[in-house]
Amino acid sequence: MKFISDLPLSSRPWLLLLLSALIFEACALFFQYGMELKPCIMCIYQRVAIWAIFFGGVIGIIAPQQLLFRLIGYGLWGTGAVWGLLIALEHVEMQSSAMSLFFTCEFVPNFPSWAPLHEWIPFLFEASGDCGEISWQFFGYSMPQWMVVIFAGYTAVLAIVLLTRIAVAKNL
């Protein structure tokens, strides 16, 4: 348990977090531009959540020994993981047959006025697809269903790391 608790004190686990998020972003761009799958508004929100996890890794790498940097890293990681999980679950629900009859998604993301990411970086954050359309599956699971697995994994790993840090700290 001490081994898991000590992981965030090193830059390598934070680098792994950063690289995993970067790989998922690269996959998203491949799906969008290589396979010509148009991202919907929910896909874009999930993309933002992955970027939050990425930046959590960046902050963690800077100074993993300093509590403030770890806390900011945990905060970004947790926000991205939990928010992404909630968005992915909602997206799966939208694609279900009962909801798709009554739902249409918007094309313009609801970003804050001070950070219109879809205007600043449109190739990355502009939505052009339909949330209810299932245009890709792998082993019978749609993209949002896989994103539920991915975000659940990020959330579970964060919970394990934080719980072991607390448990080890209480034993000292």
C-alpha atoms as a PDB file:
ATOM      1  CA  MET A   1       0.000   0.000   0.000  1.00  0.00           C
ATOM      2  CA  LYS A   2       2.915   2.335   0.692  1.00  0.00           C
ATOM      3  CA  PHE A   3       4.111   1.786  -2.884  1.00  0.00           C
ATOM      4  CA  ILE A   4       0.813   3.075  -4.320  1.00  0.00           C
ATOM      5  CA  SER A   5       0.773   5.911  -1.798  1.00  0.00           C
ATOM      6  CA  ASP A   6       4.249   7.049  -2.859  1.00  0.00           C
ATOM      7  CA  LEU A   7       3.526   6.999  -6.612  1.00  0.00           C
ATOM      8  CA  PRO A   8       2.294  10.629  -6.833  1.00  0.00           C
ATOM      9  CA  LEU A   9       5.563  11.809  -5.259  1.00  0.00           C
ATOM     10  CA  SER A  10       7.411  10.838  -8.440  1.00  0.00           C
ATOM     11  CA  SER A  11       7.080  12.410 -11.869  1.00  0.00           C
ATOM     12  CA  ARG A  12       6.800   9.090 -13.763  1.00  0.00           C
ATOM     13  CA  PRO A  13       3.192   8.294 -12.762  1.00  0.00           C
ATOM     14  CA  TRP A  14       2.177  11.863 -13.637  1.00  0.00           C
ATOM     15  CA  LEU A  15       3.926  11.411 -16.993  1.00  0.00           C
ATOM     16  CA  LEU A  16       1.945   8.201 -17.525  1.00  0.00           C
ATOM     17  CA  LEU A  17      -1.280  10.101 -16.766  1.00  0.00           C
ATOM     18  CA  LEU A  18      -0.292  12.854 -19.201  1.00  0.00           C
ATOM     19  CA  LEU A  19       0.688  10.382 -21.942  1.00  0.00           C
ATOM     20  CA  SER A  20      -2.472   8.305 -21.579  1.00  0.00           C
ATOM     21  CA  ALA A  21      -4.631  11.414 -21.990  1.00  0.00           C
ATOM     22  CA  LEU A  22      -2.532  12.529 -24.946  1.00  0.00           C
ATOM     23  CA  ILE A  23      -2.988   9.118 -26.589  1.00  0.00           C
ATOM     24  CA  PHE A  24      -6.760   9.351 -26.152  1.00  0.00           C
ATOM     25  CA  GLU A  25      -6.736  12.833 -27.695  1.00  0.00           C
ATOM     26  CA  ALA A  26      -4.682  11.552 -30.621  1.00  0.00           C
ATOM     27  CA  CYS A  27      -7.193   8.718 -31.070  1.00  0.00           C
ATOM     28  CA  ALA A  28     -10.049  11.254 -31.050  1.00  0.00           C
ATOM     29  CA  LEU A  29      -8.321  13.281 -33.750  1.00  0.00           C
ATOM     30  CA  PHE A  30      -7.719  10.120 -35.794  1.00  0.00           C
ATOM     31  CA  PHE A  31     -11.412   9.227 -35.533  1.00  0.00           C
ATOM     32  CA  GLN A  32     -12.346  12.767 -36.522  1.00  0.00           C
ATOM     33  CA  TYR A  33      -9.911  13.399 -39.363  1.00  0.00           C
ATOM     34  CA  GLY A  34      -8.650   9.955 -40.365  1.00  0.00           C
ATOM     35  CA  MET A  35     -11.960   8.104 -40.227  1.00  0.00           C
ATOM     36  CA  GLU A  36     -14.071  11.220 -40.860  1.00  0.00           C
ATOM     37  CA  LEU A  37     -16.341  10.640 -37.832  1.00  0.00           C
ATOM     38  CA  LYS A  38     -17.879  13.956 -36.845  1.00  0.00           C
ATOM     39  CA  PRO A  39     -17.741  14.738 -33.118  1.00  0.00           C
ATOM     40  CA  CYS A  40     -20.969  15.802 -31.463  1.00  0.00           C
ATOM     41  CA  ILE A  41     -21.312  18.306 -28.632  1.00  0.00           C
ATOM     42  CA  MET A  42     -21.040  15.532 -26.014  1.00  0.00           C
ATOM     43  CA  CYS A  43     -17.873  14.237 -27.705  1.00  0.00           C
ATOM     44  CA  ILE A  44     -16.405  17.730 -27.465  1.00  0.00           C
ATOM     45  CA  TYR A  45     -17.244  17.974 -23.762  1.00  0.00           C
ATOM     46  CA  GLN A  46     -15.590  14.585 -23.201  1.00  0.00           C
ATOM     47  CA  ARG A  47     -12.584  15.859 -25.151  1.00  0.00           C
ATOM     48  CA  VAL A  48     -12.353  18.829 -22.770  1.00  0.00           C
ATOM     49  CA  ALA A  49     -12.482  16.408 -19.829  1.00  0.00           C
ATOM     50  CA  ILE A  50      -9.549  14.445 -21.274  1.00  0.00           C
ATOM     51  CA  TRP A  51      -7.633  17.717 -21.651  1.00  0.00           C
ATOM     52  CA  ALA A  52      -8.284  18.447 -17.959  1.00  0.00           C
ATOM     53  CA  ILE A  53      -6.714  15.080 -17.110  1.00  0.00           C
ATOM     54  CA  PHE A  54      -3.796  15.876 -19.420  1.00  0.00           C
ATOM     55  CA  PHE A  55      -3.165  19.200 -17.691  1.00  0.00           C
ATOM     56  CA  GLY A  56      -3.473  17.490 -14.317  1.00  0.00           C
ATOM     57  CA  GLY A  57      -0.560  15.319 -15.419  1.00  0.00           C
ATOM     58  CA  VAL A  58       1.391  18.363 -16.595  1.00  0.00           C
ATOM     59  CA  ILE A  59       0.959  20.107 -13.228  1.00  0.00           C
ATOM     60  CA  GLY A  60       1.862  16.917 -11.356  1.00  0.00           C
ATOM     61  CA  ILE A  61       5.083  16.516 -13.329  1.00  0.00           C
ATOM     62  CA  ILE A  62       6.245  20.044 -12.547  1.00  0.00           C
ATOM     63  CA  ALA A  63       6.780  19.443  -8.831  1.00  0.00           C
ATOM     64  CA  PRO A  64       5.370  16.128  -7.569  1.00  0.00           C
ATOM     65  CA  GLN A  65       7.061  16.582  -4.180  1.00  0.00           C
ATOM     66  CA  GLN A  66       5.149  19.811  -3.486  1.00  0.00           C
ATOM     67  CA  LEU A  67       1.676  19.412  -2.027  1.00  0.00           C
ATOM     68  CA  LEU A  68       0.187  22.404  -3.860  1.00  0.00           C
ATOM     69  CA  PHE A  69       1.154  21.035  -7.286  1.00  0.00           C
ATOM     70  CA  ARG A  70      -0.138  17.562  -6.390  1.00  0.00           C
ATOM     71  CA  LEU A  71      -3.438  19.020  -5.151  1.00  0.00           C
ATOM     72  CA  ILE A  72      -3.926  21.019  -8.362  1.00  0.00           C
ATOM     73  CA  GLY A  73      -3.002  17.905 -10.373  1.00  0.00           C
ATOM     74  CA  TYR A  74      -5.468  15.793  -8.381  1.00  0.00           C
ATOM     75  CA  GLY A  75      -8.124  18.472  -8.842  1.00  0.00           C
ATOM     76  CA  LEU A  76      -7.744  18.592 -12.612  1.00  0.00           C
ATOM     77  CA  TRP A  77      -7.514  14.812 -12.841  1.00  0.00           C
ATOM     78  CA  GLY A  78     -10.588  14.326 -10.651  1.00  0.00           C
ATOM     79  CA  THR A  79     -12.614  17.026 -12.371  1.00  0.00           C
ATOM     80  CA  GLY A  80     -11.820  15.627 -15.807  1.00  0.00           C
ATOM     81  CA  ALA A  81     -12.418  12.008 -14.778  1.00  0.00           C
ATOM     82  CA  VAL A  82     -15.696  12.501 -12.915  1.00  0.00           C
ATOM     83  CA  TRP A  83     -17.134  15.151 -15.244  1.00  0.00           C
ATOM     84  CA  GLY A  84     -16.111  13.077 -18.271  1.00  0.00           C
ATOM     85  CA  LEU A  85     -17.748   9.995 -16.754  1.00  0.00           C
ATOM     86  CA  LEU A  86     -20.995  11.876 -16.152  1.00  0.00           C
ATOM     87  CA  ILE A  87     -20.984  13.304 -19.695  1.00  0.00           C
ATOM     88  CA  ALA A  88     -20.200   9.886 -21.208  1.00  0.00           C
ATOM     89  CA  LEU A  89     -23.023   8.258 -19.220  1.00  0.00           C
ATOM     90  CA  GLU A  90     -25.408  10.960 -20.410  1.00  0.00           C
ATOM     91  CA  HIS A  91     -24.200  10.450 -23.970  1.00  0.00           C
ATOM     92  CA  VAL A  92     -24.855   6.690 -23.724  1.00  0.00           C
ATOM     93  CA  GLU A  93     -28.352   7.472 -22.458  1.00  0.00           C
ATOM     94  CA  MET A  94     -28.919   9.841 -25.390  1.00  0.00           C
ATOM     95  CA  GLN A  95     -28.019   7.075 -27.802  1.00  0.00           C
ATOM     96  CA  SER A  96     -30.483   4.653 -26.282  1.00  0.00           C
ATOM     97  CA  SER A  97     -33.547   4.034 -28.410  1.00  0.00           C
ATOM     98  CA  ALA A  98     -35.994   5.584 -25.932  1.00  0.00           C
ATOM     99  CA  MET A  99     -34.134   8.887 -25.603  1.00  0.00           C
ATOM    100  CA  SER A 100     -33.105   9.336 -29.233  1.00  0.00           C
ATOM    101  CA  LEU A 101     -36.700   9.983 -30.319  1.00  0.00           C
ATOM    102  CA  PHE A 102     -36.998  13.023 -28.055  1.00  0.00           C
ATOM    103  CA  PHE A 103     -33.494  14.438 -28.097  1.00  0.00           C
ATOM    104  CA  THR A 104     -31.523  16.612 -30.459  1.00  0.00           C
ATOM    105  CA  CYS A 105     -28.162  18.009 -29.496  1.00  0.00           C
ATOM    106  CA  GLU A 106     -26.799  21.444 -30.232  1.00  0.00           C
ATOM    107  CA  PHE A 107     -23.839  22.163 -32.494  1.00  0.00           C
ATOM    108  CA  VAL A 108     -22.369  25.068 -30.516  1.00  0.00           C
ATOM    109  CA  PRO A 109     -20.626  24.105 -27.262  1.00  0.00           C
ATOM    110  CA  ASN A 110     -21.678  25.920 -24.126  1.00  0.00           C
ATOM    111  CA  PHE A 111     -18.216  27.167 -23.175  1.00  0.00           C
ATOM    112  CA  PRO A 112     -17.804  30.231 -20.948  1.00  0.00           C
ATOM    113  CA  SER A 113     -17.722  33.554 -22.777  1.00  0.00           C
ATOM    114  CA  TRP A 114     -14.165  34.112 -21.515  1.00  0.00           C
ATOM    115  CA  ALA A 115     -12.996  30.789 -23.057  1.00  0.00           C
ATOM    116  CA  PRO A 116     -14.769  30.051 -26.359  1.00  0.00           C
ATOM    117  CA  LEU A 117     -12.583  27.054 -27.174  1.00  0.00           C
ATOM    118  CA  HIS A 118     -14.653  26.195 -30.254  1.00  0.00           C
ATOM    119  CA  GLU A 119     -13.747  29.613 -31.703  1.00  0.00           C
ATOM    120  CA  TRP A 120     -10.112  29.649 -30.576  1.00  0.00           C
ATOM    121  CA  ILE A 121      -9.260  26.074 -31.637  1.00  0.00           C
ATOM    122  CA  PRO A 122     -12.070  24.943 -33.954  1.00  0.00           C
ATOM    123  CA  PHE A 123     -10.213  21.923 -35.355  1.00  0.00           C
ATOM    124  CA  LEU A 124     -10.220  20.487 -31.826  1.00  0.00           C
ATOM    125  CA  PHE A 125     -13.393  21.784 -30.169  1.00  0.00           C
ATOM    126  CA  GLU A 126     -15.959  22.399 -32.907  1.00  0.00           C
ATOM    127  CA  ALA A 127     -18.965  20.054 -32.906  1.00  0.00           C
ATOM    128  CA  SER A 128     -20.442  18.908 -36.206  1.00  0.00           C
ATOM    129  CA  GLY A 129     -21.975  15.512 -35.472  1.00  0.00           C
ATOM    130  CA  ASP A 130     -25.235  14.180 -34.081  1.00  0.00           C
ATOM    131  CA  CYS A 131     -25.228  12.940 -30.463  1.00  0.00           C
ATOM    132  CA  GLY A 132     -27.717  10.157 -31.169  1.00  0.00           C
ATOM    133  CA  GLU A 133     -25.863   8.670 -34.129  1.00  0.00           C
ATOM    134  CA  ILE A 134     -23.799   5.550 -33.521  1.00  0.00           C
ATOM    135  CA  SER A 135     -21.298   5.563 -36.379  1.00  0.00           C
ATOM    136  CA  TRP A 136     -18.552   3.446 -34.793  1.00  0.00           C
ATOM    137  CA  GLN A 137     -18.460   0.354 -32.599  1.00  0.00           C
ATOM    138  CA  PHE A 138     -15.703  -1.845 -31.245  1.00  0.00           C
ATOM    139  CA  PHE A 139     -16.582  -5.233 -29.704  1.00  0.00           C
ATOM    140  CA  GLY A 140     -20.216  -4.123 -29.815  1.00  0.00           C
ATOM    141  CA  TYR A 141     -19.682  -0.958 -27.765  1.00  0.00           C
ATOM    142  CA  SER A 142     -20.156   2.560 -29.080  1.00  0.00           C
ATOM    143  CA  MET A 143     -17.689   5.395 -28.588  1.00  0.00           C
ATOM    144  CA  PRO A 144     -19.524   6.845 -25.541  1.00  0.00           C
ATOM    145  CA  GLN A 145     -19.689   3.388 -23.962  1.00  0.00           C
ATOM    146  CA  TRP A 146     -15.916   3.055 -24.322  1.00  0.00           C
ATOM    147  CA  MET A 147     -15.515   6.534 -22.874  1.00  0.00           C
ATOM    148  CA  VAL A 148     -17.500   5.406 -19.814  1.00  0.00           C
ATOM    149  CA  VAL A 149     -14.915   2.645 -19.350  1.00  0.00           C
ATOM    150  CA  ILE A 150     -12.017   5.059 -19.830  1.00  0.00           C
ATOM    151  CA  PHE A 151     -13.347   7.727 -17.465  1.00  0.00           C
ATOM    152  CA  ALA A 152     -14.354   5.093 -14.899  1.00  0.00           C
ATOM    153  CA  GLY A 153     -10.781   3.791 -15.045  1.00  0.00           C
ATOM    154  CA  TYR A 154      -9.334   7.271 -14.501  1.00  0.00           C
ATOM    155  CA  THR A 155     -11.761   7.826 -11.607  1.00  0.00           C
ATOM    156  CA  ALA A 156     -10.977   4.456 -10.002  1.00  0.00           C
ATOM    157  CA  VAL A 157      -7.211   4.966 -10.204  1.00  0.00           C
ATOM    158  CA  LEU A 158      -7.533   8.431  -8.663  1.00  0.00           C
ATOM    159  CA  ALA A 159      -9.719   7.049  -5.852  1.00  0.00           C
ATOM    160  CA  ILE A 160      -7.215   4.263  -5.136  1.00  0.00           C
ATOM    161  CA  VAL A 161      -4.285   6.695  -5.076  1.00  0.00           C
ATOM    162  CA  LEU A 162      -6.061   9.166  -2.791  1.00  0.00           C
ATOM    163  CA  LEU A 163      -7.415   6.489  -0.442  1.00  0.00           C
ATOM    164  CA  THR A 164      -4.007   4.844  -0.065  1.00  0.00           C
ATOM    165  CA  ARG A 165      -2.379   8.242   0.573  1.00  0.00           C
ATOM    166  CA  ILE A 166      -4.920   8.904   3.316  1.00  0.00           C
ATOM    167  CA  ALA A 167      -4.577   5.400   4.785  1.00  0.00           C
ATOM    168  CA  VAL A 168      -0.782   5.558   4.884  1.00  0.00           C
ATOM    169  CA  ALA A 169      -0.849   9.087   6.347  1.00  0.00           C
ATOM    170  CA  LYS A 170      -3.150   7.944   9.155  1.00  0.00           C
ATOM    171  CA  ASN A 171      -0.830   5.048  10.020  1.00  0.00           C
ATOM    172  CA  LEU A 172       2.172   7.364  10.484  1.00  0.00           C
END
